Amino acid sequence: AKDGRKLTLTYPGPLAQFDLVNAMGAEAADNARLVRMFLPLIYLSAINEESIRLPTSLREMRALVARLGHKGLSALQRGVTAFDTRDEAETIAAAKK
C-alpha cells in the first residue's frame, strides 16, 4: 500500500468467493455494490506479514475494510487486477499452443 504497509495476496481457493458471500448474510449479499467492494478481500492473506484469515461475518469484513483504509483498498484492488490480468494472459497463451 502507498502508506508503507505490505499487503500479501494469494490466489483464493475455489470456495473463497462462496464463503465470503455466505458470511455477508442474505441481505448484504443482495447488494451487488457491497459484494464488489468486499470481494477483493478473498485475495488478502497478510498485512505486514501478519496472516489474515477470511472474514466470517459482515462485521469482520467491515473491520478489515476499516483497517485497510482507502490506500490499502486501492492497493488491494490493483493487486487483484494484476492477478486477473496475469490469468487472462496465461489463458490466451495456452489457447495459442
N, C-alpha and C. Protein backbone atom coordinates (compact mmCIF):
# COMPACT_ATOMS: atom_id res chain seq x y z
N ALA A 1 0.85 -1.18 0.00
CA ALA A 1 0.00 0.00 0.00
C ALA A 1 0.89 1.24 0.00
N LYS A 2 0.38 2.32 -0.50
CA LYS A 2 1.17 3.54 -0.60
C LYS A 2 1.45 4.17 0.77
N ASP A 3 0.88 3.61 1.82
CA ASP A 3 1.13 4.15 3.15
C ASP A 3 2.23 3.36 3.88
N GLY A 4 2.96 2.53 3.14
CA GLY A 4 4.08 1.80 3.70
C GLY A 4 3.77 0.39 4.17
N ARG A 5 2.50 0.01 4.20
CA ARG A 5 2.17 -1.35 4.60
C ARG A 5 2.40 -2.30 3.44
N LYS A 6 2.74 -3.53 3.79
CA LYS A 6 2.93 -4.57 2.78
C LYS A 6 1.72 -5.49 2.81
N LEU A 7 1.02 -5.55 1.69
CA LEU A 7 -0.12 -6.45 1.55
C LEU A 7 0.34 -7.68 0.78
N THR A 8 0.02 -8.86 1.30
CA THR A 8 0.35 -10.10 0.61
C THR A 8 -0.94 -10.68 0.05
N LEU A 9 -0.94 -10.94 -1.24
CA LEU A 9 -2.11 -11.51 -1.89
C LEU A 9 -1.81 -12.94 -2.31
N THR A 10 -2.81 -13.78 -2.18
CA THR A 10 -2.72 -15.18 -2.56
C THR A 10 -3.94 -15.50 -3.40
N TYR A 11 -3.73 -16.28 -4.46
CA TYR A 11 -4.88 -16.64 -5.29
C TYR A 11 -5.84 -17.46 -4.44
N PRO A 12 -7.12 -17.04 -4.36
CA PRO A 12 -8.07 -17.72 -3.47
C PRO A 12 -8.49 -19.09 -3.99
N GLY A 13 -8.87 -19.93 -3.04
CA GLY A 13 -9.38 -21.26 -3.39
C GLY A 13 -10.74 -21.15 -4.05
N PRO A 14 -11.24 -22.25 -4.59
CA PRO A 14 -12.48 -22.23 -5.36
C PRO A 14 -13.73 -21.87 -4.55
N LEU A 15 -13.70 -22.06 -3.25
CA LEU A 15 -14.87 -21.77 -2.43
C LEU A 15 -14.79 -20.43 -1.70
N ALA A 16 -13.69 -19.71 -1.85
CA ALA A 16 -13.50 -18.46 -1.11
C ALA A 16 -14.60 -17.44 -1.39
N GLN A 17 -14.95 -17.28 -2.65
CA GLN A 17 -16.00 -16.31 -3.00
C GLN A 17 -17.33 -16.74 -2.39
N PHE A 18 -17.67 -18.00 -2.49
CA PHE A 18 -18.91 -18.50 -1.89
C PHE A 18 -18.91 -18.25 -0.39
N ASP A 19 -17.80 -18.59 0.27
CA ASP A 19 -17.72 -18.43 1.73
C ASP A 19 -17.87 -16.97 2.14
N LEU A 20 -17.25 -16.06 1.38
CA LEU A 20 -17.34 -14.64 1.72
C LEU A 20 -18.77 -14.14 1.56
N VAL A 21 -19.41 -14.47 0.45
CA VAL A 21 -20.79 -14.03 0.22
C VAL A 21 -21.72 -14.65 1.25
N ASN A 22 -21.50 -15.90 1.59
CA ASN A 22 -22.30 -16.56 2.62
C ASN A 22 -22.14 -15.86 3.97
N ALA A 23 -20.92 -15.47 4.30
CA ALA A 23 -20.65 -14.80 5.58
C ALA A 23 -21.27 -13.41 5.64
N MET A 24 -21.51 -12.82 4.48
CA MET A 24 -22.12 -11.49 4.46
C MET A 24 -23.55 -11.51 4.97
N GLY A 25 -24.22 -12.63 4.78
CA GLY A 25 -25.62 -12.71 5.14
C GLY A 25 -26.47 -12.36 3.93
N ALA A 26 -27.70 -12.83 3.91
CA ALA A 26 -28.57 -12.70 2.75
C ALA A 26 -28.83 -11.25 2.35
N GLU A 27 -29.11 -10.40 3.31
CA GLU A 27 -29.44 -9.02 2.98
C GLU A 27 -28.26 -8.28 2.35
N ALA A 28 -27.09 -8.40 2.96
CA ALA A 28 -25.90 -7.72 2.42
C ALA A 28 -25.48 -8.34 1.08
N ALA A 29 -25.62 -9.65 0.95
CA ALA A 29 -25.21 -10.33 -0.29
C ALA A 29 -26.10 -9.94 -1.47
N ASP A 30 -27.29 -9.44 -1.20
CA ASP A 30 -28.17 -8.95 -2.28
C ASP A 30 -27.74 -7.60 -2.82
N ASN A 31 -26.82 -6.94 -2.14
CA ASN A 31 -26.34 -5.63 -2.56
C ASN A 31 -25.08 -5.83 -3.42
N ALA A 32 -25.24 -5.76 -4.74
CA ALA A 32 -24.14 -6.05 -5.67
C ALA A 32 -22.95 -5.12 -5.44
N ARG A 33 -23.19 -3.88 -5.13
CA ARG A 33 -22.10 -2.93 -4.90
C ARG A 33 -21.28 -3.35 -3.69
N LEU A 34 -21.95 -3.78 -2.65
CA LEU A 34 -21.27 -4.23 -1.43
C LEU A 34 -20.46 -5.50 -1.70
N VAL A 35 -21.02 -6.41 -2.45
CA VAL A 35 -20.30 -7.64 -2.79
C VAL A 35 -19.03 -7.29 -3.57
N ARG A 36 -19.14 -6.40 -4.56
CA ARG A 36 -17.97 -5.99 -5.35
C ARG A 36 -16.90 -5.34 -4.47
N MET A 37 -17.34 -4.59 -3.47
CA MET A 37 -16.39 -3.93 -2.58
C MET A 37 -15.65 -4.93 -1.70
N PHE A 38 -16.36 -5.94 -1.20
CA PHE A 38 -15.76 -6.91 -0.30
C PHE A 38 -15.02 -8.04 -1.00
N LEU A 39 -15.36 -8.34 -2.24
CA LEU A 39 -14.80 -9.50 -2.93
C LEU A 39 -13.27 -9.53 -2.98
N PRO A 40 -12.57 -8.41 -3.19
CA PRO A 40 -11.11 -8.48 -3.21
C PRO A 40 -10.49 -8.98 -1.90
N LEU A 41 -11.25 -8.95 -0.81
CA LEU A 41 -10.71 -9.41 0.47
C LEU A 41 -10.32 -10.89 0.42
N ILE A 42 -10.91 -11.67 -0.51
CA ILE A 42 -10.57 -13.09 -0.57
C ILE A 42 -9.13 -13.32 -1.03
N TYR A 43 -8.51 -12.32 -1.64
CA TYR A 43 -7.12 -12.43 -2.09
C TYR A 43 -6.13 -12.07 -0.99
N LEU A 44 -6.55 -11.34 0.01
CA LEU A 44 -5.65 -10.83 1.03
C LEU A 44 -5.29 -11.92 2.03
N SER A 45 -4.00 -12.22 2.12
CA SER A 45 -3.56 -13.26 3.06
C SER A 45 -2.71 -12.72 4.20
N ALA A 46 -2.18 -11.49 4.06
CA ALA A 46 -1.37 -10.92 5.14
C ALA A 46 -1.25 -9.40 4.98
N ILE A 47 -1.11 -8.73 6.12
CA ILE A 47 -0.77 -7.31 6.15
C ILE A 47 0.50 -7.22 6.98
N ASN A 48 1.56 -6.67 6.39
CA ASN A 48 2.86 -6.60 7.06
C ASN A 48 3.28 -7.96 7.61
N GLU A 49 3.07 -8.98 6.80
CA GLU A 49 3.44 -10.37 7.10
C GLU A 49 2.67 -10.98 8.28
N GLU A 50 1.62 -10.30 8.73
CA GLU A 50 0.72 -10.86 9.74
C GLU A 50 -0.44 -11.51 9.01
N SER A 51 -0.62 -12.81 9.20
CA SER A 51 -1.65 -13.55 8.48
C SER A 51 -3.04 -12.96 8.73
N ILE A 52 -3.82 -12.96 7.67
CA ILE A 52 -5.20 -12.51 7.71
C ILE A 52 -6.06 -13.71 7.30
N ARG A 53 -7.06 -14.03 8.09
CA ARG A 53 -7.96 -15.11 7.68
C ARG A 53 -9.19 -14.48 7.02
N LEU A 54 -9.84 -15.27 6.20
CA LEU A 54 -11.03 -14.80 5.52
C LEU A 54 -12.09 -14.42 6.54
N PRO A 55 -12.63 -13.22 6.44
CA PRO A 55 -13.68 -12.81 7.39
C PRO A 55 -14.86 -13.77 7.35
N THR A 56 -15.46 -14.01 8.52
CA THR A 56 -16.57 -14.95 8.60
C THR A 56 -17.89 -14.26 8.94
N SER A 57 -17.88 -12.93 8.95
CA SER A 57 -19.11 -12.19 9.20
C SER A 57 -19.00 -10.81 8.56
N LEU A 58 -20.13 -10.19 8.36
CA LEU A 58 -20.15 -8.84 7.81
C LEU A 58 -19.38 -7.89 8.72
N ARG A 59 -19.51 -8.08 10.01
CA ARG A 59 -18.80 -7.24 10.98
C ARG A 59 -17.28 -7.35 10.79
N GLU A 60 -16.78 -8.56 10.59
CA GLU A 60 -15.34 -8.76 10.37
C GLU A 60 -14.90 -8.14 9.05
N MET A 61 -15.74 -8.21 8.02
CA MET A 61 -15.41 -7.60 6.73
C MET A 61 -15.29 -6.09 6.88
N ARG A 62 -16.25 -5.51 7.57
CA ARG A 62 -16.22 -4.06 7.79
C ARG A 62 -14.97 -3.66 8.58
N ALA A 63 -14.59 -4.46 9.56
CA ALA A 63 -13.40 -4.16 10.36
C ALA A 63 -12.13 -4.23 9.49
N LEU A 64 -12.06 -5.22 8.61
CA LEU A 64 -10.90 -5.35 7.74
C LEU A 64 -10.83 -4.20 6.74
N VAL A 65 -11.96 -3.81 6.20
CA VAL A 65 -12.00 -2.66 5.28
C VAL A 65 -11.54 -1.40 6.02
N ALA A 66 -12.01 -1.22 7.25
CA ALA A 66 -11.60 -0.05 8.03
C ALA A 66 -10.09 -0.10 8.29
N ARG A 67 -9.58 -1.29 8.57
CA ARG A 67 -8.13 -1.43 8.81
C ARG A 67 -7.32 -1.09 7.57
N LEU A 68 -7.81 -1.51 6.41
CA LEU A 68 -7.10 -1.24 5.16
C LEU A 68 -7.16 0.25 4.79
N GLY A 69 -8.30 0.87 5.01
CA GLY A 69 -8.45 2.27 4.63
C GLY A 69 -8.46 2.44 3.12
N HIS A 70 -8.57 3.68 2.67
CA HIS A 70 -8.66 3.96 1.24
C HIS A 70 -7.41 3.51 0.48
N LYS A 71 -6.24 3.81 1.03
CA LYS A 71 -4.99 3.44 0.33
C LYS A 71 -4.80 1.93 0.28
N GLY A 72 -5.11 1.25 1.36
CA GLY A 72 -4.99 -0.20 1.38
C GLY A 72 -5.97 -0.87 0.43
N LEU A 73 -7.21 -0.37 0.40
CA LEU A 73 -8.21 -0.92 -0.53
C LEU A 73 -7.80 -0.70 -1.97
N SER A 74 -7.25 0.47 -2.24
CA SER A 74 -6.80 0.78 -3.60
C SER A 74 -5.65 -0.16 -4.00
N ALA A 75 -4.70 -0.36 -3.10
CA ALA A 75 -3.58 -1.27 -3.39
C ALA A 75 -4.08 -2.70 -3.57
N LEU A 76 -5.03 -3.11 -2.75
CA LEU A 76 -5.60 -4.45 -2.87
C LEU A 76 -6.26 -4.62 -4.23
N GLN A 77 -7.03 -3.64 -4.65
CA GLN A 77 -7.70 -3.72 -5.94
C GLN A 77 -6.69 -3.80 -7.09
N ARG A 78 -5.61 -3.03 -6.99
CA ARG A 78 -4.57 -3.11 -8.03
C ARG A 78 -3.95 -4.50 -8.07
N GLY A 79 -3.74 -5.09 -6.90
CA GLY A 79 -3.18 -6.44 -6.85
C GLY A 79 -4.11 -7.48 -7.45
N VAL A 80 -5.39 -7.36 -7.15
CA VAL A 80 -6.38 -8.28 -7.71
C VAL A 80 -6.43 -8.14 -9.23
N THR A 81 -6.38 -6.91 -9.71
CA THR A 81 -6.38 -6.65 -11.16
C THR A 81 -5.16 -7.30 -11.81
N ALA A 82 -4.00 -7.22 -11.13
CA ALA A 82 -2.79 -7.86 -11.65
C ALA A 82 -2.96 -9.37 -11.73
N PHE A 83 -3.58 -9.98 -10.71
CA PHE A 83 -3.88 -11.42 -10.76
C PHE A 83 -4.75 -11.73 -11.98
N ASP A 84 -5.83 -10.97 -12.16
CA ASP A 84 -6.76 -11.22 -13.26
C ASP A 84 -6.09 -11.03 -14.61
N THR A 85 -5.25 -10.02 -14.74
CA THR A 85 -4.55 -9.74 -15.99
C THR A 85 -3.59 -10.88 -16.31
N ARG A 86 -2.88 -11.35 -15.30
CA ARG A 86 -1.94 -12.46 -15.48
C ARG A 86 -2.68 -13.71 -15.92
N ASP A 87 -3.80 -14.01 -15.25
CA ASP A 87 -4.58 -15.19 -15.59
C ASP A 87 -5.10 -15.13 -17.02
N GLU A 88 -5.55 -13.94 -17.43
CA GLU A 88 -6.05 -13.78 -18.80
C GLU A 88 -4.93 -14.00 -19.80
N ALA A 89 -3.75 -13.45 -19.53
CA ALA A 89 -2.61 -13.61 -20.44
C ALA A 89 -2.20 -15.07 -20.52
N GLU A 90 -2.19 -15.79 -19.38
CA GLU A 90 -1.83 -17.20 -19.38
C GLU A 90 -2.87 -18.03 -20.16
N THR A 91 -4.13 -17.68 -20.04
CA THR A 91 -5.19 -18.40 -20.75
C THR A 91 -5.04 -18.21 -22.25
N ILE A 92 -4.75 -16.99 -22.68
CA ILE A 92 -4.59 -16.70 -24.10
C ILE A 92 -3.37 -17.44 -24.64
N ALA A 93 -2.27 -17.41 -23.88
CA ALA A 93 -1.05 -18.11 -24.32
C ALA A 93 -1.29 -19.61 -24.44
N ALA A 94 -2.01 -20.19 -23.49
CA ALA A 94 -2.30 -21.62 -23.54
C ALA A 94 -3.20 -21.96 -24.72
N ALA A 95 -4.13 -21.08 -25.05
CA ALA A 95 -5.05 -21.33 -26.17
C ALA A 95 -4.32 -21.28 -27.51
N LYS A 96 -3.23 -20.54 -27.57
CA LYS A 96 -2.46 -20.42 -28.82
C LYS A 96 -1.58 -21.63 -29.08
N LYS A 97 -1.37 -22.47 -28.05
CA LYS A 97 -0.48 -23.64 -28.22
C LYS A 97 -1.17 -24.74 -28.95
